[in-house]
C-alpha atoms as a PDB file:
ATOM      1  CA  UNK A   1      99.525  72.365  74.442  1.00  0.00           C
ATOM      2  CA  UNK A   2     100.765  73.136  77.841  1.00  0.00           C
ATOM      3  CA  UNK A   3      99.444  72.111  81.069  1.00  0.00           C
ATOM      4  CA  UNK A   4      96.087  73.214  82.518  1.00  0.00           C
ATOM      5  CA  UNK A   5      95.937  73.881  86.198  1.00  0.00           C
ATOM      6  CA  UNK A   6      93.345  74.649  88.911  1.00  0.00           C
ATOM      7  CA  UNK A   7      93.441  77.992  90.637  1.00  0.00           C
ATOM      8  CA  UNK A   8      92.011  79.134  93.925  1.00  0.00           C
ATOM      9  CA  UNK A   9      92.274  82.623  95.010  1.00  0.00           C
ATOM     10  CA  UNK A  10      94.040  85.457  93.247  1.00  0.00           C
ATOM     11  CA  UNK A  11      96.927  83.988  91.086  1.00  0.00           C
ATOM     12  CA  UNK A  12      98.619  87.331  90.699  1.00  0.00           C
ATOM     13  CA  UNK A  13      98.926  87.731  94.374  1.00  0.00           C
ATOM     14  CA  UNK A  14      99.976  84.139  94.972  1.00  0.00           C
ATOM     15  CA  UNK A  15     102.640  84.539  92.229  1.00  0.00           C
ATOM     16  CA  UNK A  16     103.846  87.888  94.130  1.00  0.00           C
ATOM     17  CA  UNK A  17     103.826  85.897  97.263  1.00  0.00           C
ATOM     18  CA  UNK A  18     105.880  82.795  95.891  1.00  0.00           C
ATOM     19  CA  UNK A  19     108.438  85.411  94.644  1.00  0.00           C
ATOM     20  CA  UNK A  20     108.851  87.564  97.434  1.00  0.00           C
ATOM     21  CA  UNK A  21     111.559  88.104 100.112  1.00  0.00           C
ATOM     22  CA  UNK A  22     110.126  85.354 102.300  1.00  0.00           C
ATOM     23  CA  UNK A  23     111.369  82.875  99.663  1.00  0.00           C
ATOM     24  CA  UNK A  24     111.310  82.122  95.909  1.00  0.00           C
ATOM     25  CA  UNK A  25     114.289  82.804  94.012  1.00  0.00           C
ATOM     26  CA  UNK A  26     115.731  85.676  96.413  1.00  0.00           C
ATOM     27  CA  UNK A  27     118.637  84.877  98.559  1.00  0.00           C
ATOM     28  CA  UNK A  28     118.224  85.161 102.308  1.00  0.00           C
ATOM     29  CA  UNK A  29     119.214  88.508 104.120  1.00  0.00           C
ATOM     30  CA  UNK A  30     121.362  88.628 107.183  1.00  0.00           C
ATOM     31  CA  UNK A  31     120.066  88.179 110.490  1.00  0.00           C
ATOM     32  CA  UNK A  32     119.179  91.338 112.073  1.00  0.00           C
ATOM     33  CA  UNK A  33     116.692  94.425 112.570  1.00  0.00           C
ATOM     34  CA  UNK A  34     115.058  96.022 109.519  1.00  0.00           C
ATOM     35  CA  UNK A  35     112.494  98.702 109.257  1.00  0.00           C
ATOM     36  CA  UNK A  36     109.458  97.615 107.595  1.00  0.00           C
ATOM     37  CA  UNK A  37     105.801  98.483 107.080  1.00  0.00           C
ATOM     38  CA  UNK A  38     102.613  96.355 107.462  1.00  0.00           C
ATOM     39  CA  UNK A  39     100.987  96.073 104.112  1.00  0.00           C
ATOM     40  CA  UNK A  40      97.941  94.336 102.766  1.00  0.00           C
ATOM     41  CA  UNK A  41      98.079  90.634 102.070  1.00  0.00           C
ATOM     42  CA  UNK A  42      96.850  91.333  98.621  1.00  0.00           C
ATOM     43  CA  UNK A  43      98.185  94.037  96.537  1.00  0.00           C
ATOM     44  CA  UNK A  44      94.932  95.355  95.528  1.00  0.00           C
ATOM     45  CA  UNK A  45      94.114  96.043  99.227  1.00  0.00           C
ATOM     46  CA  UNK A  46      90.990  93.736  99.047  1.00  0.00           C
ATOM     47  CA  UNK A  47      92.440  91.613 101.926  1.00  0.00           C
ATOM     48  CA  UNK A  48      94.610  93.295 104.592  1.00  0.00           C
ATOM     49  CA  UNK A  49      95.244  90.419 106.965  1.00  0.00           C
ATOM     50  CA  UNK A  50      93.937  86.793 107.110  1.00  0.00           C
ATOM     51  CA  UNK A  51      92.751  85.027 110.265  1.00  0.00           C
ATOM     52  CA  UNK A  52      93.901  81.300 110.249  1.00  0.00           C
ATOM     53  CA  UNK A  53      94.039  78.377 112.276  1.00  0.00           C
ATOM     54  CA  UNK A  54      97.262  78.712 114.188  1.00  0.00           C
ATOM     55  CA  UNK A  55      98.515  75.272 113.969  1.00  0.00           C
ATOM     56  CA  UNK A  56      96.989  72.484 111.856  1.00  0.00           C
ATOM     57  CA  UNK A  57      99.461  69.828 113.051  1.00  0.00           C
ATOM     58  CA  UNK A  58      99.624  70.353 116.708  1.00  0.00           C
ATOM     59  CA  UNK A  59      96.616  69.184 118.718  1.00  0.00           C
ATOM     60  CA  UNK A  60      97.711  71.323 121.619  1.00  0.00           C
ATOM     61  CA  UNK A  61      96.673  74.486 119.686  1.00  0.00           C
ATOM     62  CA  UNK A  62      93.269  73.133 118.292  1.00  0.00           C
ATOM     63  CA  UNK A  63      90.993  75.953 118.120  1.00  0.00           C
ATOM     64  CA  UNK A  64      93.662  78.639 118.529  1.00  0.00           C
ATOM     65  CA  UNK A  65      93.807  81.098 116.029  1.00  0.00           C
ATOM     66  CA  UNK A  66      96.434  83.374 114.404  1.00  0.00           C
ATOM     67  CA  UNK A  67      96.420  86.274 112.170  1.00  0.00           C
ATOM     68  CA  UNK A  68      98.607  86.156 108.860  1.00  0.00           C
ATOM     69  CA  UNK A  69     100.236  89.575 108.172  1.00  0.00           C
ATOM     70  CA  UNK A  70     102.487  90.888 105.548  1.00  0.00           C
ATOM     71  CA  UNK A  71     105.365  93.190 105.993  1.00  0.00           C
ATOM     72  CA  UNK A  72     107.645  94.890 103.583  1.00  0.00           C
ATOM     73  CA  UNK A  73     111.093  96.368 104.327  1.00  0.00           C
ATOM     74  CA  UNK A  74     110.997 100.012 103.576  1.00  0.00           C
ATOM     75  CA  UNK A  75     112.153 101.401 100.198  1.00  0.00           C
ATOM     76  CA  UNK A  76     115.206 103.347 101.647  1.00  0.00           C
ATOM     77  CA  UNK A  77     116.603 100.457 103.455  1.00  0.00           C
ATOM     78  CA  UNK A  78     120.340 100.054 102.603  1.00  0.00           C
ATOM     79  CA  UNK A  79     119.791  96.224 102.480  1.00  0.00           C
ATOM     80  CA  UNK A  80     116.730  94.240 101.477  1.00  0.00           C
ATOM     81  CA  UNK A  81     114.502  97.316 100.223  1.00  0.00           C
ATOM     82  CA  UNK A  82     110.978  96.197  99.218  1.00  0.00           C
ATOM     83  CA  UNK A  83     111.580  92.609 100.103  1.00  0.00           C
ATOM     84  CA  UNK A  84     108.234  91.342 101.649  1.00  0.00           C
ATOM     85  CA  UNK A  85     107.794  88.595 104.404  1.00  0.00           C
ATOM     86  CA  UNK A  86     104.801  86.891 106.032  1.00  0.00           C
ATOM     87  CA  UNK A  87     104.216  85.950 109.585  1.00  0.00           C
ATOM     88  CA  UNK A  88     101.597  84.456 111.671  1.00  0.00           C
ATOM     89  CA  UNK A  89     100.840  86.259 114.999  1.00  0.00           C
ATOM     90  CA  UNK A  90      99.159  84.187 117.791  1.00  0.00           C
ATOM     91  CA  UNK A  91      95.755  85.695 118.852  1.00  0.00           C
ATOM     92  CA  UNK A  92      96.282  84.227 122.298  1.00  0.00           C
ATOM     93  CA  UNK A  93      98.433  85.117 125.316  1.00  0.00           C
ATOM     94  CA  UNK A  94      99.874  81.711 126.265  1.00  0.00           C
ATOM     95  CA  UNK A  95     101.664  78.694 124.806  1.00  0.00           C
ATOM     96  CA  UNK A  96     100.416  75.268 125.551  1.00  0.00           C
ATOM     97  CA  UNK A  97     103.627  74.930 127.712  1.00  0.00           C
ATOM     98  CA  UNK A  98     102.278  77.811 129.978  1.00  0.00           C
ATOM     99  CA  UNK A  99     104.970  80.247 128.772  1.00  0.00           C
ATOM    100  CA  UNK A 100     103.791  83.830 127.707  1.00  0.00           C
ATOM    101  CA  UNK A 101     103.214  84.018 123.929  1.00  0.00           C
ATOM    102  CA  UNK A 102     105.611  86.907 123.622  1.00  0.00           C
ATOM    103  CA  UNK A 103     104.867  87.481 119.794  1.00  0.00           C
ATOM    104  CA  UNK A 104     101.286  88.347 120.638  1.00  0.00           C
ATOM    105  CA  UNK A 105     102.387  91.114 122.837  1.00  0.00           C
ATOM    106  CA  UNK A 106     105.223  92.286 120.887  1.00  0.00           C
ATOM    107  CA  UNK A 107     103.209  92.528 117.677  1.00  0.00           C
ATOM    108  CA  UNK A 108     100.259  94.414 119.022  1.00  0.00           C
ATOM    109  CA  UNK A 109     102.554  96.592 121.385  1.00  0.00           C
ATOM    110  CA  UNK A 110     104.542  97.556 118.130  1.00  0.00           C
ATOM    111  CA  UNK A 111     101.406  98.610 116.365  1.00  0.00           C
ATOM    112  CA  UNK A 112     100.219 100.751 119.468  1.00  0.00           C
ATOM    113  CA  UNK A 113      98.473  98.647 122.151  1.00  0.00           C
ATOM    114  CA  UNK A 114      99.165  99.722 125.765  1.00  0.00           C
ATOM    115  CA  UNK A 115      99.056  97.617 128.894  1.00  0.00           C
ATOM    116  CA  UNK A 116      95.512  98.858 129.593  1.00  0.00           C
ATOM    117  CA  UNK A 117      94.332  97.946 125.984  1.00  0.00           C
ATOM    118  CA  UNK A 118      95.464  94.410 126.559  1.00  0.00           C
ATOM    119  CA  UNK A 119      93.783  94.507 129.997  1.00  0.00           C
ATOM    120  CA  UNK A 120      90.564  95.737 128.487  1.00  0.00           C
ATOM    121  CA  UNK A 121      90.764  93.211 125.506  1.00  0.00           C
ATOM    122  CA  UNK A 122      90.837  96.046 123.026  1.00  0.00           C
ATOM    123  CA  UNK A 123      93.333  95.641 120.268  1.00  0.00           C
ATOM    124  CA  UNK A 124      94.075  97.756 117.180  1.00  0.00           C
ATOM    125  CA  UNK A 125      92.481  96.258 114.058  1.00  0.00           C
ATOM    126  CA  UNK A 126      93.818  95.691 110.548  1.00  0.00           C
ATOM    127  CA  UNK A 127      92.556  99.175 109.525  1.00  0.00           C
ATOM    128  CA  UNK A 128      94.397 100.752 112.359  1.00  0.00           C
ATOM    129  CA  UNK A 129      97.927  99.281 111.907  1.00  0.00           C
ATOM    130  CA  UNK A 130      97.854  99.005 108.058  1.00  0.00           C
ATOM    131  CA  UNK A 131     100.939 101.040 106.776  1.00  0.00           C
ATOM    132  CA  UNK A 132     102.427 101.213 110.322  1.00  0.00           C
ATOM    133  CA  UNK A 133     106.160 101.266 110.448  1.00  0.00           C
ATOM    134  CA  UNK A 134     107.713  98.431 112.657  1.00  0.00           C
ATOM    135  CA  UNK A 135     111.035  97.155 113.219  1.00  0.00           C
ATOM    136  CA  UNK A 136     111.215  93.443 111.728  1.00  0.00           C
ATOM    137  CA  UNK A 137     114.156  91.047 113.038  1.00  0.00           C
ATOM    138  CA  UNK A 138     114.966  88.273 110.707  1.00  0.00           C
ATOM    139  CA  UNK A 139     116.410  84.951 111.695  1.00  0.00           C
ATOM    140  CA  UNK A 140     119.783  83.447 110.648  1.00  0.00           C
ATOM    141  CA  UNK A 141     119.543  82.286 107.069  1.00  0.00           C
ATOM    142  CA  UNK A 142     117.714  78.911 106.767  1.00  0.00           C
ATOM    143  CA  UNK A 143     119.115  76.219 104.322  1.00  0.00           C
ATOM    144  CA  UNK A 144     117.453  75.849 100.920  1.00  0.00           C
ATOM    145  CA  UNK A 145     114.466  73.860 100.405  1.00  0.00           C
ATOM    146  CA  UNK A 146     112.099  72.992  97.558  1.00  0.00           C
ATOM    147  CA  UNK A 147     110.367  76.238  97.965  1.00  0.00           C
ATOM    148  CA  UNK A 148     113.348  78.319  98.516  1.00  0.00           C
ATOM    149  CA  UNK A 149     116.252  77.260  96.501  1.00  0.00           C
ATOM    150  CA  UNK A 150     118.604  79.877  97.665  1.00  0.00           C
ATOM    151  CA  UNK A 151     117.577  79.736 101.200  1.00  0.00           C
ATOM    152  CA  UNK A 152     115.185  81.806 103.429  1.00  0.00           C
ATOM    153  CA  UNK A 153     114.677  83.654 106.738  1.00  0.00           C
ATOM    154  CA  UNK A 154     112.065  83.410 109.354  1.00  0.00           C
ATOM    155  CA  UNK A 155     110.453  86.575 110.864  1.00  0.00           C
ATOM    156  CA  UNK A 156     111.903  86.172 114.537  1.00  0.00           C
ATOM    157  CA  UNK A 157     110.606  89.466 116.091  1.00  0.00           C
ATOM    158  CA  UNK A 158     108.432  92.472 115.418  1.00  0.00           C
ATOM    159  CA  UNK A 159     109.032  95.326 117.606  1.00  0.00           C
ATOM    160  CA  UNK A 160     108.431  99.256 117.755  1.00  0.00           C
ATOM    161  CA  UNK A 161     109.996 101.057 114.870  1.00  0.00           C
ATOM    162  CA  UNK A 162     113.510 102.001 115.177  1.00  0.00           C
ATOM    163  CA  UNK A 163     116.015 103.579 112.631  1.00  0.00           C
ATOM    164  CA  UNK A 164     117.641 102.780 109.505  1.00  0.00           C
ATOM    165  CA  UNK A 165     120.932 102.687 111.170  1.00  0.00           C
ATOM    166  CA  UNK A 166     119.947  99.272 112.624  1.00  0.00           C
ATOM    167  CA  UNK A 167     120.030  97.629 109.268  1.00  0.00           C
ATOM    168  CA  UNK A 168     122.716  95.106 108.659  1.00  0.00           C
ATOM    169  CA  UNK A 169     125.149  96.329 105.711  1.00  0.00           C
ATOM    170  CA  UNK A 170     126.894  93.742 103.496  1.00  0.00           C
ATOM    171  CA  UNK A 171     130.691  93.953 103.194  1.00  0.00           C
ATOM    172  CA  UNK A 172     132.100  93.599  99.487  1.00  0.00           C
ATOM    173  CA  UNK A 173     133.174  90.253  98.680  1.00  0.00           C
ATOM    174  CA  UNK A 174     131.503  88.073 101.592  1.00  0.00           C
ATOM    175  CA  UNK A 175     128.599  85.982 101.660  1.00  0.00           C
ATOM    176  CA  UNK A 176     125.320  85.777 103.710  1.00  0.00           C
ATOM    177  CA  UNK A 177     125.384  82.072 104.227  1.00  0.00           C
ATOM    178  CA  UNK A 178     127.866  79.150 103.895  1.00  0.00           C
ATOM    179  CA  UNK A 179     125.926  77.501 100.960  1.00  0.00           C
ATOM    180  CA  UNK A 180     126.093  80.846  98.748  1.00  0.00           C
ATOM    181  CA  UNK A 181     128.845  82.529  96.954  1.00  0.00           C
ATOM    182  CA  UNK A 182     129.426  86.251  97.337  1.00  0.00           C
ATOM    183  CA  UNK A 183     127.267  86.415  94.122  1.00  0.00           C
ATOM    184  CA  UNK A 184     124.397  84.876  95.692  1.00  0.00           C
ATOM    185  CA  UNK A 185     124.645  81.626  93.874  1.00  0.00           C
ATOM    186  CA  UNK A 186     124.829  78.165  95.299  1.00  0.00           C
ATOM    187  CA  UNK A 187     128.494  77.098  95.875  1.00  0.00           C
ATOM    188  CA  UNK A 188     129.614  73.903  93.605  1.00  0.00           C
ATOM    189  CA  UNK A 189     129.817  71.747  96.911  1.00  0.00           C
ATOM    190  CA  UNK A 190     126.477  72.727  98.145  1.00  0.00           C
ATOM    191  CA  UNK A 191     124.766  72.202  94.771  1.00  0.00           C
ATOM    192  CA  UNK A 192     126.663  68.879  94.244  1.00  0.00           C
ATOM    193  CA  UNK A 193     125.456  67.579  97.517  1.00  0.00           C
ATOM    194  CA  UNK A 194     121.846  68.378  96.773  1.00  0.00           C
ATOM    195  CA  UNK A 195     122.027  66.709  93.545  1.00  0.00           C
ATOM    196  CA  UNK A 196     123.285  63.720  95.291  1.00  0.00           C
ATOM    197  CA  UNK A 197     120.578  63.695  97.974  1.00  0.00           C
ATOM    198  CA  UNK A 198     123.489  64.183 100.588  1.00  0.00           C
ATOM    199  CA  UNK A 199     123.352  66.423 103.637  1.00  0.00           C
ATOM    200  CA  UNK A 200     125.172  69.680 103.154  1.00  0.00           C
ATOM    201  CA  UNK A 201     128.215  70.868 105.148  1.00  0.00           C
ATOM    202  CA  UNK A 202     127.980  73.916 107.264  1.00  0.00           C
ATOM    203  CA  UNK A 203     124.422  74.408 106.657  1.00  0.00           C
ATOM    204  CA  UNK A 204     122.139  76.244 108.951  1.00  0.00           C
ATOM    205  CA  UNK A 205     120.068  74.046 111.463  1.00  0.00           C
ATOM    206  CA  UNK A 206     116.684  73.278 110.795  1.00  0.00           C
ATOM    207  CA  UNK A 207     114.183  75.589 112.494  1.00  0.00           C
ATOM    208  CA  UNK A 208     112.695  74.374 115.631  1.00  0.00           C
ATOM    209  CA  UNK A 209     109.084  74.765 116.977  1.00  0.00           C
ATOM    210  CA  UNK A 210     107.624  77.937 118.168  1.00  0.00           C
ATOM    211  CA  UNK A 211     108.374  77.090 121.776  1.00  0.00           C
ATOM    212  CA  UNK A 212     111.677  75.442 121.446  1.00  0.00           C
ATOM    213  CA  UNK A 213     114.740  76.995 122.949  1.00  0.00           C
ATOM    214  CA  UNK A 214     116.281  76.803 119.525  1.00  0.00           C
ATOM    215  CA  UNK A 215     113.443  78.895 118.036  1.00  0.00           C
ATOM    216  CA  UNK A 216     114.376  82.668 117.648  1.00  0.00           C
ATOM    217  CA  UNK A 217     110.953  83.386 119.442  1.00  0.00           C
ATOM    218  CA  UNK A 218     112.156  81.642 122.510  1.00  0.00           C
ATOM    219  CA  UNK A 219     116.089  82.107 122.582  1.00  0.00           C
ATOM    220  CA  UNK A 220     116.499  85.753 121.489  1.00  0.00           C
ATOM    221  CA  UNK A 221     115.551  88.974 123.073  1.00  0.00           C
ATOM    222  CA  UNK A 222     114.990  92.008 120.734  1.00  0.00           C
ATOM    223  CA  UNK A 223     118.304  93.446 121.961  1.00  0.00           C
ATOM    224  CA  UNK A 224     120.300  90.118 121.335  1.00  0.00           C
ATOM    225  CA  UNK A 225     118.530  89.709 117.877  1.00  0.00           C
ATOM    226  CA  UNK A 226     119.654  93.308 116.929  1.00  0.00           C
ATOM    227  CA  UNK A 227     123.498  92.277 117.097  1.00  0.00           C
ATOM    228  CA  UNK A 228     124.838  91.095 113.980  1.00  0.00           C
ATOM    229  CA  UNK A 229     128.129  89.311 113.602  1.00  0.00           C
ATOM    230  CA  UNK A 230     130.270  87.747 110.915  1.00  0.00           C
ATOM    231  CA  UNK A 231     130.508  89.283 107.417  1.00  0.00           C
ATOM    232  CA  UNK A 232     127.554  91.812 107.945  1.00  0.00           C
ATOM    233  CA  UNK A 233     127.705  94.820 110.058  1.00  0.00           C
ATOM    234  CA  UNK A 234     125.551  97.834 110.891  1.00  0.00           C
ATOM    235  CA  UNK A 235     126.448 101.258 109.253  1.00  0.00           C
ATOM    236  CA  UNK A 236     127.999 103.348 111.866  1.00  0.00           C
ATOM    237  CA  UNK A 237     126.380 106.747 112.823  1.00  0.00           C
ATOM    238  CA  UNK A 238     124.236 108.453 115.396  1.00  0.00           C
ATOM    239  CA  UNK A 239     121.406 106.973 117.031  1.00  0.00           C
ATOM    240  CA  UNK A 240     122.822 103.421 117.007  1.00  0.00           C
ATOM    241  CA  UNK A 241     122.331 103.216 120.900  1.00  0.00           C
ATOM    242  CA  UNK A 242     118.842 104.745 121.081  1.00  0.00           C
ATOM    243  CA  UNK A 243     117.534 102.314 118.233  1.00  0.00           C
ATOM    244  CA  UNK A 244     119.058  99.450 120.121  1.00  0.00           C
ATOM    245  CA  UNK A 245     116.970 100.305 122.964  1.00  0.00           C
ATOM    246  CA  UNK A 246     113.682 100.861 120.909  1.00  0.00           C
ATOM    247  CA  UNK A 247     112.484  97.411 121.282  1.00  0.00           C
ATOM    248  CA  UNK A 248     110.138  96.811 124.191  1.00  0.00           C
ATOM    249  CA  UNK A 249     108.139  93.720 125.316  1.00  0.00           C
ATOM    250  CA  UNK A 250     105.140  93.493 127.549  1.00  0.00           C
END
């Protein structure tokens, strides 16, 4: 007889989330800008978003809330099509350091809020932005962990929708991260180091806090995040410059 286990919530949705593009057995995608749609947290549409405590571990954000949102890369994307990512958008305008919480303004600006809407305190609700197309910028690949055996990406920026021409395209025979082969399997060296409990060589740095200069929220601009280097490149074609300028911040 197999193990019995306790369930809380919808196990089908939980399974899908665990296996989504934000982690699970999928390899990370290259850093860059993708076109995505905002989708319900639950596939059956019974829950569109979730309002959560923004940070359970940082007392500076006690009482601060965020909204958990799901985004799915569009079906016709040349890279990462249908991969799903989850992010937490702050529901406040300023970090504890006193700096502007740009992700708040960027997300709601991307789904239609204007400067006047912010001034009036009137923001779009989930029913207003569900299905909205936006630009989703992913961070550099993050080293594997217990939950993401091949690595993962963070959601770095959400900006107004751009064009498919922005999407990074993989060149044949190259790898997205130093710990992966071109076939998206762990390299023998990395696998051996993991098995021995040793730090890997050439792995991506650990992700820093939201406000750190090392965080993609703080260190990158939408334009800078849109530039990919290394073995990945954007397809060439019309509209690249217009798309590069489509991101905006308030």
